N, C-alpha and C. Protein backbone atom coordinates (compact mmCIF):
# COMPACT_ATOMS: atom_id res chain seq x y z
N UNK A 1 36.09 89.11 180.89
CA UNK A 1 35.58 89.54 179.57
C UNK A 1 35.08 88.32 178.82
N UNK A 2 33.91 88.38 178.27
CA UNK A 2 33.35 87.25 177.55
C UNK A 2 33.95 87.13 176.18
N UNK A 3 33.79 85.94 175.57
CA UNK A 3 34.29 85.74 174.22
C UNK A 3 33.58 86.65 173.23
N UNK A 4 32.31 86.97 173.50
CA UNK A 4 31.56 87.84 172.59
C UNK A 4 32.10 89.25 172.59
N UNK A 5 32.72 89.66 173.72
CA UNK A 5 33.24 91.03 173.81
C UNK A 5 34.61 91.15 173.17
N UNK A 6 35.38 90.06 173.10
CA UNK A 6 36.76 90.13 172.64
C UNK A 6 36.92 90.69 171.24
N UNK A 7 36.13 90.24 170.22
CA UNK A 7 36.31 90.77 168.88
C UNK A 7 36.10 92.27 168.81
N UNK A 8 35.10 92.81 169.57
CA UNK A 8 34.85 94.23 169.54
C UNK A 8 36.01 95.00 170.13
N UNK A 9 36.58 94.48 171.25
CA UNK A 9 37.72 95.15 171.86
C UNK A 9 38.91 95.17 170.91
N UNK A 10 39.19 94.05 170.25
CA UNK A 10 40.29 93.98 169.31
C UNK A 10 40.07 94.93 168.14
N UNK A 11 38.85 94.92 167.60
CA UNK A 11 38.54 95.78 166.47
C UNK A 11 38.69 97.25 166.84
N UNK A 12 38.24 97.63 168.02
CA UNK A 12 38.35 99.03 168.44
C UNK A 12 39.81 99.43 168.62
N UNK A 13 40.62 98.56 169.19
CA UNK A 13 42.04 98.86 169.33
C UNK A 13 42.69 99.08 167.96
N UNK A 14 42.37 98.23 167.00
CA UNK A 14 42.94 98.37 165.66
C UNK A 14 42.47 99.67 165.01
N UNK A 15 41.21 100.02 165.25
CA UNK A 15 40.68 101.27 164.70
C UNK A 15 41.41 102.47 165.31
N UNK A 16 41.62 102.43 166.62
CA UNK A 16 42.34 103.52 167.29
C UNK A 16 43.75 103.65 166.73
N UNK A 17 44.43 102.52 166.58
CA UNK A 17 45.81 102.56 166.07
C UNK A 17 45.86 103.09 164.64
N UNK A 18 44.90 102.69 163.82
CA UNK A 18 44.88 103.17 162.43
C UNK A 18 44.72 104.69 162.38
N UNK A 19 43.79 105.21 163.19
CA UNK A 19 43.57 106.66 163.19
C UNK A 19 44.74 107.39 163.83
N UNK A 20 45.32 106.80 164.87
CA UNK A 20 46.49 107.43 165.49
C UNK A 20 47.64 107.53 164.49
N UNK A 21 47.87 106.45 163.71
CA UNK A 21 48.93 106.48 162.70
C UNK A 21 48.66 107.56 161.67
N UNK A 22 47.43 107.66 161.23
CA UNK A 22 47.09 108.68 160.23
C UNK A 22 47.34 110.08 160.77
N UNK A 23 46.88 110.34 161.98
CA UNK A 23 47.03 111.67 162.56
C UNK A 23 48.49 111.97 162.89
N UNK A 24 49.21 111.00 163.43
CA UNK A 24 50.64 111.22 163.71
C UNK A 24 51.40 111.53 162.43
N UNK A 25 51.05 110.84 161.34
CA UNK A 25 51.73 111.06 160.06
C UNK A 25 51.41 112.45 159.50
N UNK A 26 50.17 112.88 159.68
CA UNK A 26 49.75 114.17 159.13
C UNK A 26 50.29 115.35 159.93
N UNK A 27 50.30 115.23 161.27
CA UNK A 27 50.58 116.40 162.10
C UNK A 27 51.71 116.20 163.10
N UNK A 28 52.29 115.04 163.14
CA UNK A 28 53.36 114.78 164.09
C UNK A 28 52.82 114.32 165.42
N UNK A 29 53.63 113.58 166.16
CA UNK A 29 53.21 113.00 167.42
C UNK A 29 52.75 114.07 168.40
N UNK A 30 53.53 115.14 168.54
CA UNK A 30 53.19 116.18 169.51
C UNK A 30 52.10 117.12 168.99
N UNK A 31 51.75 117.01 167.73
CA UNK A 31 50.70 117.86 167.18
C UNK A 31 49.31 117.27 167.29
N UNK A 32 49.21 116.10 167.91
CA UNK A 32 47.93 115.40 168.01
C UNK A 32 47.63 115.12 169.48
N UNK A 33 46.41 115.43 169.90
CA UNK A 33 46.00 115.16 171.26
C UNK A 33 45.17 113.90 171.36
N UNK A 34 45.09 113.37 172.58
CA UNK A 34 44.28 112.18 172.82
C UNK A 34 42.83 112.43 172.43
N UNK A 35 42.32 113.62 172.72
CA UNK A 35 40.93 113.94 172.38
C UNK A 35 40.69 113.84 170.88
N UNK A 36 41.66 114.27 170.09
CA UNK A 36 41.51 114.22 168.63
C UNK A 36 41.48 112.78 168.13
N UNK A 37 42.32 111.93 168.70
CA UNK A 37 42.31 110.52 168.31
C UNK A 37 40.98 109.90 168.69
N UNK A 38 40.50 110.24 169.89
CA UNK A 38 39.21 109.73 170.32
C UNK A 38 38.10 110.16 169.39
N UNK A 39 38.09 111.44 169.02
CA UNK A 39 37.05 111.95 168.12
C UNK A 39 37.08 111.23 166.78
N UNK A 40 38.27 110.85 166.31
CA UNK A 40 38.39 110.18 165.01
C UNK A 40 37.76 108.80 165.01
N UNK A 41 37.64 108.19 166.20
CA UNK A 41 37.05 106.85 166.29
C UNK A 41 35.70 106.87 167.01
N UNK A 42 35.23 108.07 167.32
CA UNK A 42 33.89 108.18 167.88
C UNK A 42 33.77 107.90 169.37
N UNK A 43 34.86 108.06 170.12
CA UNK A 43 34.78 107.91 171.57
C UNK A 43 35.48 109.09 172.22
N UNK A 44 35.21 109.30 173.51
CA UNK A 44 35.83 110.42 174.21
C UNK A 44 37.32 110.15 174.39
N UNK A 45 38.09 111.24 174.50
CA UNK A 45 39.51 111.09 174.74
C UNK A 45 39.80 110.23 175.96
N UNK A 46 39.17 110.52 177.11
CA UNK A 46 39.41 109.66 178.28
C UNK A 46 39.04 108.20 178.04
N UNK A 47 38.08 107.96 177.14
CA UNK A 47 37.69 106.59 176.84
C UNK A 47 38.81 105.78 176.22
N UNK A 48 39.79 106.47 175.60
CA UNK A 48 40.92 105.76 175.00
C UNK A 48 41.75 105.04 176.05
N UNK A 49 41.71 105.55 177.27
CA UNK A 49 42.55 104.97 178.32
C UNK A 49 42.07 103.58 178.75
N UNK A 50 40.90 103.19 178.29
CA UNK A 50 40.48 101.81 178.52
C UNK A 50 41.23 100.86 177.59
N UNK A 51 41.82 101.40 176.54
CA UNK A 51 42.54 100.59 175.54
C UNK A 51 44.04 100.80 175.60
N UNK A 52 44.48 102.02 175.85
CA UNK A 52 45.90 102.36 175.86
C UNK A 52 46.20 103.28 177.03
N UNK A 53 47.40 103.15 177.56
CA UNK A 53 47.80 104.00 178.68
C UNK A 53 47.98 105.46 178.26
N UNK A 54 48.20 105.69 176.97
CA UNK A 54 48.39 107.04 176.47
C UNK A 54 48.97 107.02 175.08
N UNK A 55 49.33 108.20 174.57
CA UNK A 55 49.87 108.29 173.22
C UNK A 55 51.18 107.52 173.08
N UNK A 56 52.02 107.54 174.11
CA UNK A 56 53.28 106.82 174.04
C UNK A 56 53.05 105.33 173.81
N UNK A 57 52.03 104.79 174.47
CA UNK A 57 51.72 103.37 174.31
C UNK A 57 51.21 103.08 172.90
N UNK A 58 50.44 104.00 172.34
CA UNK A 58 49.96 103.83 170.96
C UNK A 58 51.13 103.82 169.98
N UNK A 59 52.04 104.76 170.16
CA UNK A 59 53.19 104.85 169.26
C UNK A 59 54.03 103.58 169.35
N UNK A 60 54.26 103.10 170.56
CA UNK A 60 55.05 101.88 170.73
C UNK A 60 54.38 100.70 170.06
N UNK A 61 53.06 100.57 170.23
CA UNK A 61 52.38 99.43 169.61
C UNK A 61 52.39 99.54 168.09
N UNK A 62 52.30 100.76 167.57
CA UNK A 62 52.35 100.94 166.12
C UNK A 62 53.70 100.49 165.56
N UNK A 63 54.79 100.97 166.16
CA UNK A 63 56.10 100.74 165.57
C UNK A 63 56.67 99.37 165.90
N UNK A 64 56.47 98.90 167.11
CA UNK A 64 56.87 97.53 167.42
C UNK A 64 55.99 96.56 166.66
N UNK A 65 54.70 96.86 166.60
CA UNK A 65 53.76 95.95 165.95
C UNK A 65 54.04 95.74 164.48
N UNK A 66 54.35 96.82 163.74
CA UNK A 66 54.58 96.65 162.31
C UNK A 66 55.89 95.92 162.08
N UNK A 67 56.89 96.12 162.93
CA UNK A 67 58.15 95.39 162.80
C UNK A 67 57.92 93.90 163.05
N UNK A 68 57.09 93.58 164.04
CA UNK A 68 56.78 92.18 164.31
C UNK A 68 56.03 91.54 163.15
N UNK A 69 55.07 92.29 162.58
CA UNK A 69 54.28 91.73 161.48
C UNK A 69 55.12 91.52 160.23
N UNK A 70 56.02 92.44 159.92
CA UNK A 70 56.88 92.27 158.75
C UNK A 70 57.78 91.05 158.92
N UNK A 71 58.36 90.89 160.10
CA UNK A 71 59.24 89.75 160.32
C UNK A 71 58.46 88.44 160.27
N UNK A 72 57.30 88.40 160.92
CA UNK A 72 56.49 87.18 160.91
C UNK A 72 56.05 86.84 159.49
N UNK A 73 55.64 87.86 158.72
CA UNK A 73 55.24 87.62 157.34
C UNK A 73 56.39 87.14 156.49
N UNK A 74 57.57 87.73 156.69
CA UNK A 74 58.74 87.28 155.94
C UNK A 74 59.11 85.85 156.26
N UNK A 75 59.09 85.50 157.53
CA UNK A 75 59.39 84.12 157.90
C UNK A 75 58.38 83.14 157.32
N UNK A 76 57.12 83.53 157.30
CA UNK A 76 56.09 82.66 156.74
C UNK A 76 56.35 82.43 155.26
N UNK A 77 56.70 83.48 154.54
CA UNK A 77 56.95 83.33 153.10
C UNK A 77 58.16 82.45 152.82
N UNK A 78 59.19 82.59 153.65
CA UNK A 78 60.37 81.74 153.47
C UNK A 78 60.03 80.29 153.80
N UNK A 79 59.26 80.08 154.88
CA UNK A 79 58.91 78.72 155.29
C UNK A 79 58.04 78.04 154.26
N UNK A 80 57.12 78.80 153.66
CA UNK A 80 56.25 78.21 152.64
C UNK A 80 57.03 77.89 151.39
N UNK A 81 58.13 78.62 151.18
CA UNK A 81 59.03 78.32 150.07
C UNK A 81 58.38 78.50 148.72
N UNK A 82 58.94 77.84 147.77
CA UNK A 82 58.47 77.92 146.40
C UNK A 82 59.27 76.99 145.54
N UNK A 83 59.05 77.08 144.27
CA UNK A 83 59.76 76.19 143.35
C UNK A 83 61.24 76.55 143.23
N UNK A 84 61.61 77.74 143.63
CA UNK A 84 62.98 78.19 143.48
C UNK A 84 63.26 79.33 144.45
N UNK A 85 64.53 79.65 144.70
CA UNK A 85 64.85 80.83 145.51
C UNK A 85 64.26 82.11 144.91
N UNK A 86 64.18 82.14 143.59
CA UNK A 86 63.58 83.32 142.94
C UNK A 86 62.13 83.50 143.36
N UNK A 87 61.40 82.38 143.50
CA UNK A 87 60.00 82.46 143.91
C UNK A 87 59.89 82.97 145.34
N UNK A 88 60.82 82.57 146.20
CA UNK A 88 60.81 83.05 147.58
C UNK A 88 61.09 84.55 147.61
N UNK A 89 62.06 85.00 146.82
CA UNK A 89 62.37 86.42 146.77
C UNK A 89 61.18 87.21 146.24
N UNK A 90 60.52 86.68 145.22
CA UNK A 90 59.31 87.33 144.72
C UNK A 90 58.29 87.51 145.83
N UNK A 91 58.10 86.47 146.64
CA UNK A 91 57.10 86.52 147.71
C UNK A 91 57.49 87.56 148.76
N UNK A 92 58.77 87.63 149.10
CA UNK A 92 59.22 88.65 150.05
C UNK A 92 58.97 90.05 149.51
N UNK A 93 59.31 90.25 148.24
CA UNK A 93 59.10 91.58 147.64
C UNK A 93 57.62 91.93 147.64
N UNK A 94 56.78 90.99 147.24
CA UNK A 94 55.34 91.27 147.19
C UNK A 94 54.79 91.61 148.57
N UNK A 95 55.24 90.89 149.60
CA UNK A 95 54.76 91.17 150.94
C UNK A 95 55.15 92.55 151.41
N UNK A 96 56.37 92.97 151.10
CA UNK A 96 56.80 94.30 151.53
C UNK A 96 56.10 95.38 150.70
N UNK A 97 55.83 95.10 149.45
CA UNK A 97 55.09 96.06 148.63
C UNK A 97 53.69 96.28 149.20
N UNK A 98 53.04 95.22 149.66
CA UNK A 98 51.72 95.38 150.28
C UNK A 98 51.81 96.36 151.45
N UNK A 99 52.82 96.19 152.28
CA UNK A 99 53.02 97.11 153.40
C UNK A 99 53.27 98.53 152.90
N UNK A 100 54.15 98.67 151.92
CA UNK A 100 54.54 100.00 151.45
C UNK A 100 53.38 100.76 150.82
N UNK A 101 52.46 100.03 150.18
CA UNK A 101 51.32 100.68 149.54
C UNK A 101 50.14 100.88 150.48
N UNK A 102 49.97 99.98 151.44
CA UNK A 102 48.77 100.00 152.27
C UNK A 102 48.97 100.63 153.64
N UNK A 103 50.22 100.81 154.07
CA UNK A 103 50.50 101.36 155.40
C UNK A 103 51.44 102.55 155.31
N UNK A 104 51.18 103.43 154.36
CA UNK A 104 52.06 104.58 154.19
C UNK A 104 52.19 105.44 155.45
N UNK A 105 51.10 105.69 156.18
CA UNK A 105 51.26 106.50 157.40
C UNK A 105 52.27 105.90 158.38
N UNK A 106 52.32 104.57 158.48
CA UNK A 106 53.26 103.95 159.40
C UNK A 106 54.70 104.20 159.00
N UNK A 107 54.95 104.26 157.69
CA UNK A 107 56.32 104.56 157.22
C UNK A 107 56.72 105.96 157.66
N UNK A 108 55.79 106.91 157.48
CA UNK A 108 56.07 108.29 157.88
C UNK A 108 56.28 108.38 159.38
N UNK A 109 55.41 107.72 160.15
CA UNK A 109 55.53 107.76 161.61
C UNK A 109 56.85 107.15 162.06
N UNK A 110 57.24 106.04 161.46
CA UNK A 110 58.52 105.42 161.82
C UNK A 110 59.67 106.38 161.56
N UNK A 111 59.69 107.00 160.39
CA UNK A 111 60.80 107.88 160.03
C UNK A 111 60.90 109.08 160.98
N UNK A 112 59.76 109.60 161.39
CA UNK A 112 59.75 110.83 162.20
C UNK A 112 59.84 110.58 163.71
N UNK A 113 59.23 109.50 164.16
CA UNK A 113 58.96 109.38 165.58
C UNK A 113 59.68 108.23 166.29
N UNK A 114 60.49 107.45 165.58
CA UNK A 114 61.13 106.30 166.22
C UNK A 114 61.91 106.70 167.46
N UNK A 115 62.59 107.83 167.41
CA UNK A 115 63.42 108.25 168.54
C UNK A 115 62.59 108.64 169.76
N UNK A 116 61.29 108.77 169.62
CA UNK A 116 60.43 109.12 170.76
C UNK A 116 60.05 107.89 171.59
N UNK A 117 60.32 106.70 171.08
CA UNK A 117 60.01 105.51 171.84
C UNK A 117 60.92 105.39 173.06
N UNK A 118 60.42 104.70 174.08
CA UNK A 118 61.29 104.34 175.20
C UNK A 118 62.46 103.52 174.67
N UNK A 119 63.57 103.56 175.37
CA UNK A 119 64.77 102.87 174.90
C UNK A 119 64.51 101.39 174.66
N UNK A 120 63.76 100.74 175.56
CA UNK A 120 63.51 99.30 175.41
C UNK A 120 62.70 99.02 174.15
N UNK A 121 61.70 99.87 173.88
CA UNK A 121 60.88 99.67 172.67
C UNK A 121 61.68 99.95 171.42
N UNK A 122 62.52 100.98 171.47
CA UNK A 122 63.34 101.32 170.30
C UNK A 122 64.33 100.19 170.01
N UNK A 123 64.92 99.60 171.05
CA UNK A 123 65.83 98.48 170.84
C UNK A 123 65.09 97.28 170.26
N UNK A 124 63.86 97.08 170.72
CA UNK A 124 63.06 95.97 170.19
C UNK A 124 62.79 96.16 168.71
N UNK A 125 62.44 97.37 168.29
CA UNK A 125 62.20 97.65 166.88
C UNK A 125 63.46 97.38 166.08
N UNK A 126 64.60 97.87 166.55
CA UNK A 126 65.86 97.68 165.82
C UNK A 126 66.21 96.20 165.73
N UNK A 127 65.98 95.46 166.79
CA UNK A 127 66.27 94.03 166.78
C UNK A 127 65.41 93.31 165.74
N UNK A 128 64.13 93.62 165.72
CA UNK A 128 63.23 93.00 164.75
C UNK A 128 63.63 93.37 163.33
N UNK A 129 64.00 94.62 163.13
CA UNK A 129 64.39 95.06 161.80
C UNK A 129 65.66 94.36 161.33
N UNK A 130 66.62 94.18 162.22
CA UNK A 130 67.85 93.46 161.84
C UNK A 130 67.54 92.03 161.42
N UNK A 131 66.65 91.38 162.16
CA UNK A 131 66.28 90.01 161.81
C UNK A 131 65.58 89.96 160.45
N UNK A 132 64.76 90.96 160.19
CA UNK A 132 64.05 91.04 158.90
C UNK A 132 65.05 91.23 157.76
N UNK A 133 66.01 92.11 157.96
CA UNK A 133 67.04 92.34 156.94
C UNK A 133 67.81 91.05 156.67
N UNK A 134 68.24 90.36 157.72
CA UNK A 134 69.04 89.15 157.53
C UNK A 134 68.25 88.05 156.84
N UNK A 135 66.95 88.01 157.08
CA UNK A 135 66.10 87.07 156.37
C UNK A 135 66.19 87.30 154.86
N UNK A 136 66.10 88.56 154.46
CA UNK A 136 66.21 88.92 153.05
C UNK A 136 67.61 88.63 152.51
N UNK A 137 68.63 88.96 153.30
CA UNK A 137 70.00 88.77 152.82
C UNK A 137 70.24 87.31 152.45
N UNK A 138 69.76 86.42 153.29
CA UNK A 138 69.95 84.99 153.01
C UNK A 138 69.30 84.59 151.70
N UNK A 139 68.09 85.08 151.46
CA UNK A 139 67.38 84.72 150.23
C UNK A 139 68.05 85.36 149.02
N UNK A 140 68.43 86.62 149.15
CA UNK A 140 69.08 87.32 148.03
C UNK A 140 70.36 86.60 147.64
N UNK A 141 71.13 86.12 148.61
CA UNK A 141 72.39 85.44 148.29
C UNK A 141 72.15 84.07 147.67
N UNK A 142 71.01 83.48 147.92
CA UNK A 142 70.67 82.23 147.22
C UNK A 142 70.35 82.51 145.76
N UNK A 143 69.71 83.64 145.50
CA UNK A 143 69.38 84.00 144.12
C UNK A 143 70.59 84.54 143.39
N UNK A 144 71.38 85.35 144.08
CA UNK A 144 72.58 85.98 143.49
C UNK A 144 73.78 85.64 144.37
N UNK A 145 74.41 84.49 144.18
CA UNK A 145 75.51 84.07 145.06
C UNK A 145 76.81 84.83 144.86
N UNK A 146 76.92 85.61 143.80
CA UNK A 146 78.18 86.28 143.51
C UNK A 146 78.56 87.36 144.50
N UNK A 147 77.67 88.31 144.81
CA UNK A 147 78.04 89.41 145.70
C UNK A 147 78.37 88.92 147.11
N UNK A 148 79.19 89.70 147.81
CA UNK A 148 79.53 89.38 149.19
C UNK A 148 78.30 89.60 150.09
N UNK A 149 78.41 89.11 151.31
CA UNK A 149 77.32 89.29 152.25
C UNK A 149 77.05 90.77 152.51
N UNK A 150 78.13 91.55 152.65
CA UNK A 150 77.94 92.98 152.90
C UNK A 150 77.30 93.68 151.70
N UNK A 151 77.64 93.26 150.49
CA UNK A 151 77.01 93.85 149.31
C UNK A 151 75.53 93.48 149.24
N UNK A 152 75.20 92.24 149.55
CA UNK A 152 73.80 91.82 149.55
C UNK A 152 73.02 92.59 150.61
N UNK A 153 73.63 92.80 151.77
CA UNK A 153 72.94 93.54 152.84
C UNK A 153 72.71 94.99 152.42
N UNK A 154 73.71 95.58 151.78
CA UNK A 154 73.55 96.96 151.30
C UNK A 154 72.42 97.04 150.27
N UNK A 155 72.34 96.02 149.41
CA UNK A 155 71.28 95.99 148.40
C UNK A 155 69.91 95.87 149.04
N UNK A 156 69.80 95.06 150.10
CA UNK A 156 68.52 94.91 150.79
C UNK A 156 68.09 96.24 151.40
N UNK A 157 69.02 96.92 152.06
CA UNK A 157 68.68 98.23 152.64
C UNK A 157 68.25 99.21 151.54
N UNK A 158 68.94 99.17 150.40
CA UNK A 158 68.60 100.07 149.32
C UNK A 158 67.20 99.77 148.77
N UNK A 159 66.87 98.50 148.64
CA UNK A 159 65.54 98.12 148.15
C UNK A 159 64.47 98.54 149.15
N UNK A 160 64.74 98.39 150.45
CA UNK A 160 63.77 98.86 151.43
C UNK A 160 63.55 100.37 151.29
N UNK A 161 64.64 101.10 151.06
CA UNK A 161 64.50 102.54 150.86
C UNK A 161 63.65 102.86 149.65
N UNK A 162 63.85 102.10 148.59
CA UNK A 162 63.07 102.29 147.37
C UNK A 162 61.58 102.01 147.63
N UNK A 163 61.30 100.85 148.21
CA UNK A 163 59.90 100.47 148.44
C UNK A 163 59.23 101.38 149.46
N UNK A 164 59.98 101.79 150.47
CA UNK A 164 59.40 102.63 151.52
C UNK A 164 59.31 104.10 151.13
N UNK A 165 59.61 104.41 149.88
CA UNK A 165 59.48 105.79 149.41
C UNK A 165 58.04 106.15 149.06
N UNK A 166 57.12 105.22 149.17
CA UNK A 166 55.74 105.46 148.71
C UNK A 166 55.07 106.68 149.34
N UNK A 167 55.34 107.05 150.61
CA UNK A 167 54.68 108.26 151.13
C UNK A 167 55.13 109.53 150.42
N UNK A 168 56.22 109.47 149.68
CA UNK A 168 56.80 110.66 149.05
C UNK A 168 56.58 110.69 147.54
N UNK A 169 55.73 109.81 147.05
CA UNK A 169 55.56 109.70 145.59
C UNK A 169 54.48 110.61 145.02
N UNK A 170 53.95 111.49 145.84
CA UNK A 170 52.95 112.42 145.34
C UNK A 170 51.55 112.01 145.74
N UNK A 171 50.59 112.79 145.29
CA UNK A 171 49.18 112.52 145.62
C UNK A 171 48.77 111.18 145.03
N UNK A 172 47.90 110.44 145.74
CA UNK A 172 47.47 109.12 145.23
C UNK A 172 46.94 109.18 143.80
N UNK A 173 46.20 110.23 143.45
CA UNK A 173 45.64 110.31 142.10
C UNK A 173 46.68 110.53 141.02
N UNK A 174 47.88 110.96 141.43
CA UNK A 174 48.94 111.21 140.45
C UNK A 174 49.74 109.95 140.14
N UNK A 175 49.48 108.87 140.85
CA UNK A 175 50.23 107.63 140.68
C UNK A 175 49.44 106.65 139.83
N UNK A 176 50.11 105.64 139.29
CA UNK A 176 49.36 104.57 138.61
C UNK A 176 48.42 103.88 139.60
N UNK A 177 47.52 103.06 139.10
CA UNK A 177 46.66 102.29 139.96
C UNK A 177 47.46 101.36 140.85
N UNK A 178 46.80 100.78 141.86
CA UNK A 178 47.54 99.98 142.82
C UNK A 178 48.25 98.80 142.16
N UNK A 179 47.56 98.09 141.28
CA UNK A 179 48.18 96.94 140.63
C UNK A 179 49.39 97.36 139.80
N UNK A 180 49.23 98.43 139.02
CA UNK A 180 50.34 98.91 138.20
C UNK A 180 51.51 99.38 139.06
N UNK A 181 51.18 100.07 140.17
CA UNK A 181 52.24 100.56 141.04
C UNK A 181 52.98 99.39 141.69
N UNK A 182 52.24 98.38 142.11
CA UNK A 182 52.87 97.20 142.72
C UNK A 182 53.79 96.51 141.73
N UNK A 183 53.35 96.37 140.50
CA UNK A 183 54.18 95.72 139.48
C UNK A 183 55.43 96.54 139.18
N UNK A 184 55.29 97.87 139.17
CA UNK A 184 56.45 98.74 138.93
C UNK A 184 57.46 98.60 140.06
N UNK A 185 57.00 98.64 141.31
CA UNK A 185 57.89 98.50 142.44
C UNK A 185 58.58 97.14 142.42
N UNK A 186 57.84 96.12 142.02
CA UNK A 186 58.42 94.78 141.95
C UNK A 186 59.56 94.74 140.93
N UNK A 187 59.32 95.32 139.74
CA UNK A 187 60.38 95.34 138.73
C UNK A 187 61.59 96.12 139.21
N UNK A 188 61.36 97.24 139.88
CA UNK A 188 62.46 98.06 140.37
C UNK A 188 63.29 97.29 141.41
N UNK A 189 62.60 96.57 142.30
CA UNK A 189 63.31 95.80 143.32
C UNK A 189 64.15 94.71 142.68
N UNK A 190 63.57 93.98 141.73
CA UNK A 190 64.33 92.94 141.05
C UNK A 190 65.52 93.54 140.30
N UNK A 191 65.30 94.69 139.69
CA UNK A 191 66.39 95.34 138.97
C UNK A 191 67.53 95.74 139.89
N UNK A 192 67.19 96.21 141.09
CA UNK A 192 68.23 96.60 142.05
C UNK A 192 69.05 95.40 142.49
N UNK A 193 68.39 94.28 142.76
CA UNK A 193 69.13 93.09 143.17
C UNK A 193 69.96 92.54 142.01
N UNK A 194 69.42 92.61 140.81
CA UNK A 194 70.19 92.17 139.66
C UNK A 194 71.41 93.05 139.43
N UNK A 195 71.26 94.35 139.71
CA UNK A 195 72.37 95.28 139.50
C UNK A 195 73.53 94.99 140.44
N UNK A 196 73.23 94.68 141.71
CA UNK A 196 74.32 94.42 142.65
C UNK A 196 75.08 93.16 142.26
N UNK A 197 74.38 92.25 141.57
CA UNK A 197 75.03 91.02 141.12
C UNK A 197 75.70 91.20 139.76
N UNK A 198 75.47 92.36 139.13
CA UNK A 198 76.02 92.57 137.80
C UNK A 198 75.37 91.69 136.77
N UNK A 199 74.12 91.29 137.03
CA UNK A 199 73.42 90.38 136.13
C UNK A 199 72.21 91.08 135.52
N UNK A 200 71.87 90.77 134.27
CA UNK A 200 70.64 91.32 133.69
C UNK A 200 69.42 90.70 134.34
N UNK A 201 68.36 91.48 134.47
CA UNK A 201 67.10 90.97 134.99
C UNK A 201 66.29 90.41 133.83
N UNK A 202 65.96 89.11 133.90
CA UNK A 202 65.27 88.48 132.80
C UNK A 202 63.79 88.80 132.73
N UNK A 203 63.22 89.16 133.90
CA UNK A 203 61.81 89.47 133.93
C UNK A 203 60.93 88.26 134.04
N UNK A 204 61.52 87.06 134.23
CA UNK A 204 60.72 85.85 134.27
C UNK A 204 59.76 85.84 135.44
N UNK A 205 60.14 86.50 136.57
CA UNK A 205 59.26 86.46 137.74
C UNK A 205 58.48 87.73 137.92
N UNK A 206 58.62 88.70 137.02
CA UNK A 206 57.93 89.96 137.17
C UNK A 206 56.44 89.78 137.13
N UNK A 207 55.95 88.81 136.39
CA UNK A 207 54.53 88.63 136.24
C UNK A 207 53.88 87.94 137.41
N UNK A 208 54.63 87.67 138.49
CA UNK A 208 54.04 86.99 139.65
C UNK A 208 52.93 87.83 140.23
N UNK A 209 51.89 87.18 140.77
CA UNK A 209 50.78 87.90 141.34
C UNK A 209 51.18 88.72 142.54
N UNK A 210 50.51 89.83 142.76
CA UNK A 210 50.78 90.70 143.89
C UNK A 210 49.64 90.56 144.88
N UNK A 211 49.88 89.98 146.07
CA UNK A 211 48.80 89.80 147.04
C UNK A 211 48.11 91.10 147.36
N UNK A 212 46.81 91.09 147.38
CA UNK A 212 46.05 92.26 147.74
C UNK A 212 45.85 93.23 146.61
N UNK A 213 46.42 92.96 145.45
CA UNK A 213 46.28 93.93 144.34
C UNK A 213 44.89 93.87 143.76
């Protein structure tokens, strides 16, 4: 394969995955056929097999892939650091908010279809998710050293539940604009972490910029 062909192949795979996520979220994994995914991207159903072995492979790449991207993004934000642990926590929250607002179908697909993955892929997703959680726990405990490790971990899971509720928040037109929604989610996340520490949220970092807003 030439270098000129590589970008098109990558772009087509991403397009297929995006449409597969949308269709799986709307109708369920078993409610969508390969032909329908192909039609959504303008190629024949059999043509998809040049990119993926089948629907199972698409589902695995969607769910393993997003777990890998979240962990890699979280590690990057921690490595880049900031002026304070609070700045690092802000960056983690903003990164997850981008996912929660921009990849809602993937949240729905994960919640409904994770158990359909092969055991090895499901274990890989769980492993990546545990590493992502522990990354947050370490940062949260630097910002709020009072709570125990188990309390901080519980708070992280609760904040993920809050942020990942975006597919259930109603029709897009019924919500605030993206920037306003991102700022609201950010305040809610900070408030949850402040609550577990029994500390008031000062709001000093609420005004931090939201990537992609």
